Amino acid sequence: VISIAFIWLSLATAVLIERSILGKPVNAFKALG
């Protein structure tokens, strides 16, 4: 379960960084969703 949580948080971090670089609005909870 913890490994899955880390995978999920890593993916959300990557999406957050991608959206930031592309100049799109950034929201941690939307990235998690």
Full PDB file with SEQRES, HELIX, SHEET, SSBOND, CRYST1, ORIGX, SCALE, CONECT and MASTER records, all heavy atoms in Angstrom:
SEQRES   1 A   33  VAL ILE SER ILE ALA PHE ILE TRP LEU SER LEU ALA THR          
SEQRES   2 A   33  ALA VAL LEU ILE GLU ARG SER ILE LEU GLY LYS PRO VAL          
SEQRES   3 A   33  ASN ALA PHE LYS ALA LEU GLY                                  
HELIX    1 AA1 ILE A    2  ILE A   21  1                                  20    
HELIX    2 AA2 ALA A   28  LEU A   32  1                                   5    
CRYST1    1.000    1.000    1.000  90.00  90.00  90.00 P 1           1          
ORIGX1      1.000000  0.000000  0.000000        0.00000                         
ORIGX2      0.000000  1.000000  0.000000        0.00000                         
ORIGX3      0.000000  0.000000  1.000000        0.00000                         
SCALE1      1.000000  0.000000  0.000000        0.00000                         
SCALE2      0.000000  1.000000  0.000000        0.00000                         
SCALE3      0.000000  0.000000  1.000000        0.00000                         
ATOM      1  N   VAL A   1       0.836  -1.206   0.000  1.00  0.00           N  
ATOM      2  CA  VAL A   1       0.000   0.000   0.000  1.00  0.00           C  
ATOM      3  C   VAL A   1       0.870   1.254   0.000  1.00  0.00           C  
ATOM      4  O   VAL A   1       0.607   2.213  -0.749  1.00  0.00           O  
ATOM      5  CB  VAL A   1      -0.968  -0.007   1.205  1.00  0.00           C  
ATOM      6  CG1 VAL A   1      -1.669   1.327   1.361  1.00  0.00           C  
ATOM      7  CG2 VAL A   1      -1.975  -1.129   1.052  1.00  0.00           C  
ATOM      8  N   ILE A   2       1.923   1.255   0.793  1.00  0.00           N  
ATOM      9  CA  ILE A   2       2.824   2.412   0.852  1.00  0.00           C  
ATOM     10  C   ILE A   2       3.539   2.593  -0.486  1.00  0.00           C  
ATOM     11  O   ILE A   2       3.723   3.722  -0.957  1.00  0.00           O  
ATOM     12  CB  ILE A   2       3.827   2.250   2.012  1.00  0.00           C  
ATOM     13  CG1 ILE A   2       3.090   2.210   3.349  1.00  0.00           C  
ATOM     14  CG2 ILE A   2       4.875   3.351   2.003  1.00  0.00           C  
ATOM     15  CD1 ILE A   2       2.188   3.379   3.633  1.00  0.00           C  
ATOM     16  N   SER A   3       3.940   1.508  -1.119  1.00  0.00           N  
ATOM     17  CA  SER A   3       4.598   1.605  -2.434  1.00  0.00           C  
ATOM     18  C   SER A   3       3.655   2.212  -3.463  1.00  0.00           C  
ATOM     19  O   SER A   3       4.066   3.055  -4.275  1.00  0.00           O  
ATOM     20  CB  SER A   3       5.058   0.223  -2.897  1.00  0.00           C  
ATOM     21  OG  SER A   3       5.996  -0.299  -2.014  1.00  0.00           O  
ATOM     22  N   ILE A   4       2.405   1.820  -3.426  1.00  0.00           N  
ATOM     23  CA  ILE A   4       1.415   2.385  -4.349  1.00  0.00           C  
ATOM     24  C   ILE A   4       1.223   3.871  -4.065  1.00  0.00           C  
ATOM     25  O   ILE A   4       1.121   4.679  -4.996  1.00  0.00           O  
ATOM     26  CB  ILE A   4       0.084   1.605  -4.254  1.00  0.00           C  
ATOM     27  CG1 ILE A   4       0.283   0.198  -4.834  1.00  0.00           C  
ATOM     28  CG2 ILE A   4      -1.037   2.329  -4.984  1.00  0.00           C  
ATOM     29  CD1 ILE A   4      -0.866  -0.750  -4.572  1.00  0.00           C  
ATOM     30  N   ALA A   5       1.221   4.248  -2.795  1.00  0.00           N  
ATOM     31  CA  ALA A   5       1.095   5.672  -2.445  1.00  0.00           C  
ATOM     32  C   ALA A   5       2.281   6.466  -2.990  1.00  0.00           C  
ATOM     33  O   ALA A   5       2.109   7.567  -3.525  1.00  0.00           O  
ATOM     34  CB  ALA A   5       0.991   5.837  -0.931  1.00  0.00           C  
ATOM     35  N   PHE A   6       3.486   5.914  -2.880  1.00  0.00           N  
ATOM     36  CA  PHE A   6       4.662   6.607  -3.414  1.00  0.00           C  
ATOM     37  C   PHE A   6       4.596   6.727  -4.931  1.00  0.00           C  
ATOM     38  O   PHE A   6       4.977   7.757  -5.502  1.00  0.00           O  
ATOM     39  CB  PHE A   6       5.953   5.913  -2.983  1.00  0.00           C  
ATOM     40  CG  PHE A   6       6.407   6.289  -1.605  1.00  0.00           C  
ATOM     41  CD1 PHE A   6       6.695   5.312  -0.680  1.00  0.00           C  
ATOM     42  CD2 PHE A   6       6.554   7.609  -1.233  1.00  0.00           C  
ATOM     43  CE1 PHE A   6       7.118   5.645   0.592  1.00  0.00           C  
ATOM     44  CE2 PHE A   6       6.975   7.954   0.041  1.00  0.00           C  
ATOM     45  CZ  PHE A   6       7.260   6.974   0.956  1.00  0.00           C  
ATOM     46  N   ILE A   7       4.125   5.693  -5.606  1.00  0.00           N  
ATOM     47  CA  ILE A   7       3.968   5.756  -7.064  1.00  0.00           C  
ATOM     48  C   ILE A   7       2.993   6.866  -7.417  1.00  0.00           C  
ATOM     49  O   ILE A   7       3.246   7.679  -8.315  1.00  0.00           O  
ATOM     50  CB  ILE A   7       3.488   4.394  -7.619  1.00  0.00           C  
ATOM     51  CG1 ILE A   7       4.594   3.357  -7.526  1.00  0.00           C  
ATOM     52  CG2 ILE A   7       3.001   4.529  -9.055  1.00  0.00           C  
ATOM     53  CD1 ILE A   7       4.136   1.942  -7.809  1.00  0.00           C  
ATOM     54  N   TRP A   8       1.877   6.912  -6.732  1.00  0.00           N  
ATOM     55  CA  TRP A   8       0.848   7.919  -6.988  1.00  0.00           C  
ATOM     56  C   TRP A   8       1.394   9.326  -6.756  1.00  0.00           C  
ATOM     57  O   TRP A   8       1.203  10.220  -7.593  1.00  0.00           O  
ATOM     58  CB  TRP A   8      -0.350   7.630  -6.100  1.00  0.00           C  
ATOM     59  CG  TRP A   8      -1.556   8.487  -6.326  1.00  0.00           C  
ATOM     60  CD1 TRP A   8      -1.892   9.168  -7.466  1.00  0.00           C  
ATOM     61  CD2 TRP A   8      -2.598   8.757  -5.402  1.00  0.00           C  
ATOM     62  NE1 TRP A   8      -3.082   9.822  -7.294  1.00  0.00           N  
ATOM     63  CE2 TRP A   8      -3.533   9.581  -6.029  1.00  0.00           C  
ATOM     64  CE3 TRP A   8      -2.831   8.346  -4.096  1.00  0.00           C  
ATOM     65  CZ2 TRP A   8      -4.675  10.040  -5.387  1.00  0.00           C  
ATOM     66  CZ3 TRP A   8      -3.974   8.782  -3.462  1.00  0.00           C  
ATOM     67  CH2 TRP A   8      -4.889   9.625  -4.106  1.00  0.00           C  
ATOM     68  N   LEU A   9       2.090   9.526  -5.658  1.00  0.00           N  
ATOM     69  CA  LEU A   9       2.645  10.854  -5.374  1.00  0.00           C  
ATOM     70  C   LEU A   9       3.725  11.239  -6.386  1.00  0.00           C  
ATOM     71  O   LEU A   9       3.833  12.406  -6.771  1.00  0.00           O  
ATOM     72  CB  LEU A   9       3.204  10.901  -3.954  1.00  0.00           C  
ATOM     73  CG  LEU A   9       2.160  10.867  -2.847  1.00  0.00           C  
ATOM     74  CD1 LEU A   9       2.811  10.638  -1.499  1.00  0.00           C  
ATOM     75  CD2 LEU A   9       1.345  12.142  -2.841  1.00  0.00           C  
ATOM     76  N   SER A  10       4.510  10.275  -6.837  1.00  0.00           N  
ATOM     77  CA  SER A  10       5.538  10.560  -7.851  1.00  0.00           C  
ATOM     78  C   SER A  10       4.902  10.974  -9.169  1.00  0.00           C  
ATOM     79  O   SER A  10       5.359  11.927  -9.823  1.00  0.00           O  
ATOM     80  CB  SER A  10       6.427   9.334  -8.060  1.00  0.00           C  
ATOM     81  OG  SER A  10       7.079   8.989  -6.883  1.00  0.00           O  
ATOM     82  N   LEU A  11       3.852  10.279  -9.576  1.00  0.00           N  
ATOM     83  CA  LEU A  11       3.148  10.650 -10.801  1.00  0.00           C  
ATOM     84  C   LEU A  11       2.540  12.043 -10.689  1.00  0.00           C  
ATOM     85  O   LEU A  11       2.608  12.846 -11.629  1.00  0.00           O  
ATOM     86  CB  LEU A  11       2.050   9.630 -11.109  1.00  0.00           C  
ATOM     87  CG  LEU A  11       2.488   8.259 -11.595  1.00  0.00           C  
ATOM     88  CD1 LEU A  11       1.293   7.320 -11.672  1.00  0.00           C  
ATOM     89  CD2 LEU A  11       3.169   8.355 -12.937  1.00  0.00           C  
ATOM     90  N   ALA A  12       1.938  12.338  -9.543  1.00  0.00           N  
ATOM     91  CA  ALA A  12       1.334  13.654  -9.340  1.00  0.00           C  
ATOM     92  C   ALA A  12       2.386  14.751  -9.383  1.00  0.00           C  
ATOM     93  O   ALA A  12       2.147  15.827  -9.943  1.00  0.00           O  
ATOM     94  CB  ALA A  12       0.581  13.682  -8.012  1.00  0.00           C  
ATOM     95  N   THR A  13       3.558  14.485  -8.821  1.00  0.00           N  
ATOM     96  CA  THR A  13       4.640  15.471  -8.857  1.00  0.00           C  
ATOM     97  C   THR A  13       5.085  15.722 -10.294  1.00  0.00           C  
ATOM     98  O   THR A  13       5.301  16.869 -10.694  1.00  0.00           O  
ATOM     99  CB  THR A  13       5.834  14.992  -8.005  1.00  0.00           C  
ATOM    100  OG1 THR A  13       5.376  14.750  -6.673  1.00  0.00           O  
ATOM    101  CG2 THR A  13       6.941  16.018  -7.978  1.00  0.00           C  
ATOM    102  N   ALA A  14       5.187  14.661 -11.091  1.00  0.00           N  
ATOM    103  CA  ALA A  14       5.582  14.819 -12.495  1.00  0.00           C  
ATOM    104  C   ALA A  14       4.547  15.636 -13.265  1.00  0.00           C  
ATOM    105  O   ALA A  14       4.900  16.516 -14.062  1.00  0.00           O  
ATOM    106  CB  ALA A  14       5.774  13.448 -13.135  1.00  0.00           C  
ATOM    107  N   VAL A  15       3.261  15.366 -13.031  1.00  0.00           N  
ATOM    108  CA  VAL A  15       2.198  16.130 -13.702  1.00  0.00           C  
ATOM    109  C   VAL A  15       2.249  17.585 -13.271  1.00  0.00           C  
ATOM    110  O   VAL A  15       2.105  18.494 -14.099  1.00  0.00           O  
ATOM    111  CB  VAL A  15       0.810  15.505 -13.402  1.00  0.00           C  
ATOM    112  CG1 VAL A  15      -0.314  16.443 -13.781  1.00  0.00           C  
ATOM    113  CG2 VAL A  15       0.671  14.192 -14.134  1.00  0.00           C  
ATOM    114  N   LEU A  16       2.464  17.812 -12.008  1.00  0.00           N  
ATOM    115  CA  LEU A  16       2.540  19.180 -11.484  1.00  0.00           C  
ATOM    116  C   LEU A  16       3.685  19.956 -12.142  1.00  0.00           C  
ATOM    117  O   LEU A  16       3.503  21.098 -12.585  1.00  0.00           O  
ATOM    118  CB  LEU A  16       2.735  19.121  -9.966  1.00  0.00           C  
ATOM    119  CG  LEU A  16       2.528  20.406  -9.216  1.00  0.00           C  
ATOM    120  CD1 LEU A  16       1.051  20.567  -8.914  1.00  0.00           C  
ATOM    121  CD2 LEU A  16       3.310  20.382  -7.926  1.00  0.00           C  
ATOM    122  N   ILE A  17       4.832  19.333 -12.246  1.00  0.00           N  
ATOM    123  CA  ILE A  17       5.990  19.990 -12.862  1.00  0.00           C  
ATOM    124  C   ILE A  17       5.750  20.220 -14.345  1.00  0.00           C  
ATOM    125  O   ILE A  17       6.051  21.296 -14.879  1.00  0.00           O  
ATOM    126  CB  ILE A  17       7.258  19.145 -12.620  1.00  0.00           C  
ATOM    127  CG1 ILE A  17       7.622  19.187 -11.135  1.00  0.00           C  
ATOM    128  CG2 ILE A  17       8.421  19.637 -13.468  1.00  0.00           C  
ATOM    129  CD1 ILE A  17       8.657  18.185 -10.718  1.00  0.00           C  
ATOM    130  N   GLU A  18       5.171  19.234 -15.020  1.00  0.00           N  
ATOM    131  CA  GLU A  18       4.871  19.393 -16.450  1.00  0.00           C  
ATOM    132  C   GLU A  18       3.920  20.559 -16.678  1.00  0.00           C  
ATOM    133  O   GLU A  18       4.146  21.399 -17.550  1.00  0.00           O  
ATOM    134  CB  GLU A  18       4.259  18.112 -16.998  1.00  0.00           C  
ATOM    135  CG  GLU A  18       3.838  18.229 -18.458  1.00  0.00           C  
ATOM    136  CD  GLU A  18       2.990  17.066 -18.923  1.00  0.00           C  
ATOM    137  OE1 GLU A  18       2.169  16.563 -18.137  1.00  0.00           O  
ATOM    138  OE2 GLU A  18       3.142  16.686 -20.089  1.00  0.00           O  
ATOM    139  N   ARG A  19       2.857  20.632 -15.899  1.00  0.00           N  
ATOM    140  CA  ARG A  19       1.882  21.719 -16.058  1.00  0.00           C  
ATOM    141  C   ARG A  19       2.531  23.066 -15.778  1.00  0.00           C  
ATOM    142  O   ARG A  19       2.237  24.059 -16.442  1.00  0.00           O  
ATOM    143  CB  ARG A  19       0.672  21.493 -15.157  1.00  0.00           C  
ATOM    144  CG  ARG A  19      -0.166  20.301 -15.605  1.00  0.00           C  
ATOM    145  CD  ARG A  19      -1.426  20.132 -14.796  1.00  0.00           C  
ATOM    146  NE  ARG A  19      -2.359  21.251 -14.944  1.00  0.00           N  
ATOM    147  CZ  ARG A  19      -3.184  21.414 -15.978  1.00  0.00           C  
ATOM    148  NH1 ARG A  19      -3.191  20.550 -16.951  1.00  0.00           N  
ATOM    149  NH2 ARG A  19      -4.000  22.453 -16.013  1.00  0.00           N  
ATOM    150  N   SER A  20       3.411  23.111 -14.810  1.00  0.00           N  
ATOM    151  CA  SER A  20       4.086  24.361 -14.486  1.00  0.00           C  
ATOM    152  C   SER A  20       4.977  24.825 -15.632  1.00  0.00           C  
ATOM    153  O   SER A  20       4.962  25.994 -16.010  1.00  0.00           O  
ATOM    154  CB  SER A  20       4.921  24.178 -13.221  1.00  0.00           C  
ATOM    155  OG  SER A  20       5.670  25.322 -12.946  1.00  0.00           O  
ATOM    156  N   ILE A  21       5.741  23.898 -16.205  1.00  0.00           N  
ATOM    157  CA  ILE A  21       6.633  24.246 -17.312  1.00  0.00           C  
ATOM    158  C   ILE A  21       5.842  24.694 -18.533  1.00  0.00           C  
ATOM    159  O   ILE A  21       6.238  25.608 -19.251  1.00  0.00           O  
ATOM    160  CB  ILE A  21       7.564  23.068 -17.652  1.00  0.00           C  
ATOM    161  CG1 ILE A  21       8.584  22.900 -16.524  1.00  0.00           C  
ATOM    162  CG2 ILE A  21       8.257  23.261 -18.978  1.00  0.00           C  
ATOM    163  CD1 ILE A  21       9.430  21.670 -16.635  1.00  0.00           C  
ATOM    164  N   LEU A  22       4.683  24.068 -18.756  1.00  0.00           N  
ATOM    165  CA  LEU A  22       3.855  24.445 -19.902  1.00  0.00           C  
ATOM    166  C   LEU A  22       3.062  25.716 -19.655  1.00  0.00           C  
ATOM    167  O   LEU A  22       2.362  26.194 -20.545  1.00  0.00           O  
ATOM    168  CB  LEU A  22       2.901  23.300 -20.258  1.00  0.00           C  
ATOM    169  CG  LEU A  22       3.572  22.025 -20.779  1.00  0.00           C  
ATOM    170  CD1 LEU A  22       2.552  20.917 -20.951  1.00  0.00           C  
ATOM    171  CD2 LEU A  22       4.317  22.293 -22.068  1.00  0.00           C  
ATOM    172  N   GLY A  23       3.146  26.253 -18.441  1.00  0.00           N  
ATOM    173  CA  GLY A  23       2.442  27.495 -18.118  1.00  0.00           C  
ATOM    174  C   GLY A  23       0.970  27.309 -17.832  1.00  0.00           C  
ATOM    175  O   GLY A  23       0.197  28.258 -17.876  1.00  0.00           O  
ATOM    176  N   LYS A  24       0.559  26.098 -17.528  1.00  0.00           N  
ATOM    177  CA  LYS A  24      -0.841  25.821 -17.211  1.00  0.00           C  
ATOM    178  C   LYS A  24      -1.051  25.974 -15.705  1.00  0.00           C  
ATOM    179  O   LYS A  24      -0.110  25.905 -14.929  1.00  0.00           O  
ATOM    180  CB  LYS A  24      -1.218  24.404 -17.657  1.00  0.00           C  
ATOM    181  CG  LYS A  24      -1.144  24.210 -19.154  1.00  0.00           C  
ATOM    182  CD  LYS A  24      -1.515  22.802 -19.534  1.00  0.00           C  
ATOM    183  CE  LYS A  24      -1.459  22.632 -21.049  1.00  0.00           C  
ATOM    184  NZ  LYS A  24      -1.771  21.261 -21.445  1.00  0.00           N  
ATOM    185  N   PRO A  25      -2.305  26.141 -15.270  1.00  0.00           N  
ATOM    186  CA  PRO A  25      -2.566  26.258 -13.836  1.00  0.00           C  
ATOM    187  C   PRO A  25      -2.163  24.987 -13.086  1.00  0.00           C  
ATOM    188  O   PRO A  25      -2.340  23.877 -13.586  1.00  0.00           O  
ATOM    189  CB  PRO A  25      -4.072  26.481 -13.735  1.00  0.00           C  
ATOM    190  CG  PRO A  25      -4.584  26.561 -15.111  1.00  0.00           C  
ATOM    191  CD  PRO A  25      -3.498  26.284 -16.075  1.00  0.00           C  
ATOM    192  N   VAL A  26      -1.623  25.174 -11.896  1.00  0.00           N  
ATOM    193  CA  VAL A  26      -1.099  24.068 -11.110  1.00  0.00           C  
ATOM    194  C   VAL A  26      -1.906  23.922  -9.828  1.00  0.00           C  
ATOM    195  O   VAL A  26      -2.160  24.896  -9.131  1.00  0.00           O  
ATOM    196  CB  VAL A  26       0.387  24.330 -10.771  1.00  0.00           C  
ATOM    197  CG1 VAL A  26       0.922  23.303  -9.815  1.00  0.00           C  
ATOM    198  CG2 VAL A  26       1.215  24.384 -12.036  1.00  0.00           C  
ATOM    199  N   ASN A  27      -2.325  22.663  -9.541  1.00  0.00           N  
ATOM    200  CA  ASN A  27      -3.045  22.369  -8.307  1.00  0.00           C  
ATOM    201  C   ASN A  27      -2.683  20.950  -7.897  1.00  0.00           C  
ATOM    202  O   ASN A  27      -2.864  20.005  -8.668  1.00  0.00           O  
ATOM    203  CB  ASN A  27      -4.555  22.510  -8.531  1.00  0.00           C  
ATOM    204  CG  ASN A  27      -5.346  22.272  -7.274  1.00  0.00           C  
ATOM    205  OD1 ASN A  27      -5.015  21.430  -6.449  1.00  0.00           O  
ATOM    206  ND2 ASN A  27      -6.431  23.004  -7.145  1.00  0.00           N  
ATOM    207  N   ALA A  28      -2.182  20.800  -6.677  1.00  0.00           N  
ATOM    208  CA  ALA A  28      -1.727  19.485  -6.208  1.00  0.00           C  
ATOM    209  C   ALA A  28      -2.856  18.471  -6.180  1.00  0.00           C  
ATOM    210  O   ALA A  28      -2.680  17.320  -6.576  1.00  0.00           O  
ATOM    211  CB  ALA A  28      -1.100  19.617  -4.827  1.00  0.00           C  
ATOM    212  N   PHE A  29      -4.024  18.879  -5.719  1.00  0.00           N  
ATOM    213  CA  PHE A  29      -5.130  17.933  -5.603  1.00  0.00           C  
ATOM    214  C   PHE A  29      -5.668  17.507  -6.967  1.00  0.00           C  
ATOM    215  O   PHE A  29      -6.061  16.359  -7.155  1.00  0.00           O  
ATOM    216  CB  PHE A  29      -6.232  18.518  -4.716  1.00  0.00           C  
ATOM    217  CG  PHE A  29      -5.744  18.751  -3.310  1.00  0.00           C  
ATOM    218  CD1 PHE A  29      -5.537  20.032  -2.843  1.00  0.00           C  
ATOM    219  CD2 PHE A  29      -5.461  17.685  -2.477  1.00  0.00           C  
ATOM    220  CE1 PHE A  29      -5.071  20.250  -1.560  1.00  0.00           C  
ATOM    221  CE2 PHE A  29      -4.997  17.880  -1.187  1.00  0.00           C  
ATOM    222  CZ  PHE A  29      -4.791  19.171  -0.726  1.00  0.00           C  
ATOM    223  N   LYS A  30      -5.660  18.430  -7.940  1.00  0.00           N  
ATOM    224  CA  LYS A  30      -6.062  18.051  -9.293  1.00  0.00           C  
ATOM    225  C   LYS A  30      -5.039  17.101  -9.909  1.00  0.00           C  
ATOM    226  O   LYS A  30      -5.399  16.176 -10.636  1.00  0.00           O  
ATOM    227  CB  LYS A  30      -6.233  19.296 -10.161  1.00  0.00           C  
ATOM    228  CG  LYS A  30      -7.496  20.065  -9.855  1.00  0.00           C  
ATOM    229  CD  LYS A  30      -7.671  21.221 -10.809  1.00  0.00           C  
ATOM    230  CE  LYS A  30      -8.951  21.985 -10.466  1.00  0.00           C  
ATOM    231  NZ  LYS A  30      -9.136  23.157 -11.320  1.00  0.00           N  
ATOM    232  N   ALA A  31      -3.751  17.330  -9.605  1.00  0.00           N  
ATOM    233  CA  ALA A  31      -2.708  16.430 -10.110  1.00  0.00           C  
ATOM    234  C   ALA A  31      -2.870  15.038  -9.512  1.00  0.00           C  
ATOM    235  O   ALA A  31      -2.722  14.031 -10.210  1.00  0.00           O  
ATOM    236  CB  ALA A  31      -1.326  16.990  -9.791  1.00  0.00           C  
ATOM    237  N   LEU A  32      -3.203  14.976  -8.227  1.00  0.00           N  
ATOM    238  CA  LEU A  32      -3.452  13.676  -7.591  1.00  0.00           C  
ATOM    239  C   LEU A  32      -4.652  12.978  -8.233  1.00  0.00           C  
ATOM    240  O   LEU A  32      -4.621  11.777  -8.500  1.00  0.00           O  
ATOM    241  CB  LEU A  32      -3.675  13.845  -6.090  1.00  0.00           C  
ATOM    242  CG  LEU A  32      -2.428  14.115  -5.252  1.00  0.00           C  
ATOM    243  CD1 LEU A  32      -2.818  14.569  -3.852  1.00  0.00           C  
ATOM    244  CD2 LEU A  32      -1.535  12.904  -5.202  1.00  0.00           C  
ATOM    245  N   GLY A  33      -5.708  13.735  -8.493  1.00  0.00           N  
ATOM    246  CA  GLY A  33      -6.899  13.164  -9.124  1.00  0.00           C  
ATOM    247  C   GLY A  33      -6.634  12.695 -10.534  1.00  0.00           C  
ATOM    248  O   GLY A  33      -7.115  11.640 -10.962  1.00  0.00           O  
TER     249      GLY A  33                                                      
MASTER        0    0    0    2    0    0    0    6  248    1    0    3          
END                                                                             
